[in-house]
């Protein structure tokens, strides 16, 4: 339950004036993964779109741990 509350905070967080817009093409497999993430959020009661799914992924991604694991 605590995780879903944290995710709700990420989704409902007001956007900064100094924010940036990012756009890019994704493969079919990547889009399927984004849609699955969106469905998972809905299953725990969080309504959102693909942008929200990406925001959750970026906010919870641990670059330090990923770098350690891949290098």
Protein backbone atom coordinates (compact mmCIF):
# COMPACT_ATOMS: atom_id res chain seq x y z
CA UNK A 1 0.00 0.00 0.00
CA UNK A 2 2.85 2.37 0.79
CA UNK A 3 4.24 1.97 -2.75
CA UNK A 4 0.91 2.90 -4.31
CA UNK A 5 0.76 6.03 -2.14
CA UNK A 6 4.27 6.98 -3.27
CA UNK A 7 3.30 6.41 -6.89
CA UNK A 8 0.21 8.61 -6.46
CA UNK A 9 2.47 11.39 -5.17
CA UNK A 10 4.69 11.06 -8.25
CA UNK A 11 1.73 11.22 -10.61
CA UNK A 12 -0.03 14.09 -8.84
CA UNK A 13 3.12 16.13 -8.27
CA UNK A 14 2.77 19.64 -9.72
CA UNK A 15 5.02 20.28 -12.69
CA UNK A 16 7.80 22.80 -12.41
CA UNK A 17 7.88 25.85 -14.65
CA UNK A 18 11.39 24.74 -15.60
CA UNK A 19 10.28 21.33 -16.86
CA UNK A 20 11.17 19.88 -20.27
CA UNK A 21 9.16 17.96 -22.81
CA UNK A 22 10.68 14.73 -24.12
CA UNK A 23 9.43 12.84 -27.14
CA UNK A 24 10.83 9.76 -28.84
CA UNK A 25 9.84 6.75 -30.88
CA UNK A 26 9.46 3.39 -29.17
CA UNK A 27 9.37 -0.12 -30.57
CA UNK A 28 6.26 -2.27 -30.38
CA UNK A 29 7.82 -4.22 -27.49
CA UNK A 30 8.63 -1.02 -25.60
CA UNK A 31 5.09 0.28 -26.13
CA UNK A 32 3.68 -3.00 -24.87
CA UNK A 33 5.82 -2.66 -21.74
CA UNK A 34 4.54 0.89 -21.20
CA UNK A 35 0.94 -0.28 -21.62
CA UNK A 36 1.56 -3.13 -19.16
CA UNK A 37 2.93 -0.63 -16.65
CA UNK A 38 -0.14 1.55 -17.15
CA UNK A 39 -2.41 -1.48 -16.57
CA UNK A 40 -0.46 -2.42 -13.43
CA UNK A 41 -0.98 1.11 -12.08
CA UNK A 42 -4.71 0.85 -12.83
CA UNK A 43 -4.86 -2.54 -11.06
CA UNK A 44 -3.67 -0.90 -7.84
CA UNK A 45 -6.18 1.92 -8.23
CA UNK A 46 -4.03 4.58 -9.88
CA UNK A 47 -5.47 6.15 -12.99
CA UNK A 48 -2.92 7.56 -15.36
CA UNK A 49 -1.63 7.63 -18.89
CA UNK A 50 1.59 6.52 -20.57
CA UNK A 51 3.28 9.72 -19.39
CA UNK A 52 2.50 8.77 -15.80
CA UNK A 53 3.92 5.29 -16.37
CA UNK A 54 7.14 6.79 -17.73
CA UNK A 55 7.29 9.25 -14.84
CA UNK A 56 7.06 6.38 -12.33
CA UNK A 57 9.82 4.47 -14.15
CA UNK A 58 12.15 7.47 -14.29
CA UNK A 59 11.47 8.46 -10.69
CA UNK A 60 12.17 4.99 -9.30
CA UNK A 61 15.16 4.17 -11.52
CA UNK A 62 18.39 3.86 -9.52
CA UNK A 63 21.19 4.91 -11.87
CA UNK A 64 23.91 4.11 -9.34
CA UNK A 65 22.71 0.52 -8.87
CA UNK A 66 22.22 0.05 -12.62
CA UNK A 67 25.73 1.33 -13.32
CA UNK A 68 27.19 -1.01 -10.71
CA UNK A 69 25.32 -3.97 -12.14
CA UNK A 70 26.26 -3.32 -15.76
CA UNK A 71 29.91 -2.31 -15.48
